[in-house]
């Protein structure tokens, strides 16, 4: 394991959600604790986030959002299948329910995804090198095909496929959450062929569900990476000893949102206002974690480096 170079992309999700999230993510980047960010273009502080990324040279991709807040496509803000009766997206579970009932128009999903890519380009001055889905909507049935088409049309090479090795053994995850995660995993496994067919790539390993919020600790991150890399090497074809393996660690650091600031049109959600965000920020900043990376030959990087 020592000879192996592990390229670790630590992605701070939900950049642009609120000023306090932006502040926390930037502090993590400057401290070398986060190496990449994923921008919510419909977030209330998205323009500010894009400026911060430019100022600090932070590698930035698109966190496509179809489930929280308001669409960025003008036409879809009224009378669209993507909206609930309050005029907002259907929500994390509401989106999945509407999809399973056949109520969502895939033409509108495509329209909104393209509008988000265009807004990303307007805010940052470039196309996103990587694009994933807020609340993992991008791997859902039907959506996955449209998502893949949009990436291929724009030449966006990288995405995220949230299949986390060893997730089933994580007995600290609440049963209701575990059910959701296993649904995400099943959807992800069914998405692999679709993304592959469209020439889309993703890191060798994904981690982030078992280490979210209060479950994050230095030991937890370290052992998740070690176990996943070990697993990958055992399963994979014979690899030259000096080769590298790429890992994406999804994180959500930030200072807790205040109720009056943030969100994607509806105000900030509970997780965003909770201490769990700050806990992630503090854990990622631990010197002990940085030294763990060093001893394991783990190099923090962004998607362009894998």
Foldseek 3Di string as FASTA:
>chain_A
DQLAAEAEAEEAEAQQQFPQLLVLVLVCVVLVLHQEYAYALLKNRRLVSLVSCVVVVHQYAHAQELAFFAFPDPVCQPDFLQQDPVSTGLHLVGNVVCVVVVSHDLVVLLVRRLSRQVSSCVSNVDGHLEYAYDSRPCLAPPNVLSSLVSCLVRVNAEYDQPDAPPLVVLPVDDPVLSVSSVVSNVSSVVNVVSNVVSNHDYFPHEAESCQAFPSNALVVVLVSVVVVVVVSCVPDDPDPSNYYGYYYYYYHAGAADDQVTGISHPGDDPVSNDCRNPVRSVRSSDVVSVVSCVSSNYHYHHPVVD
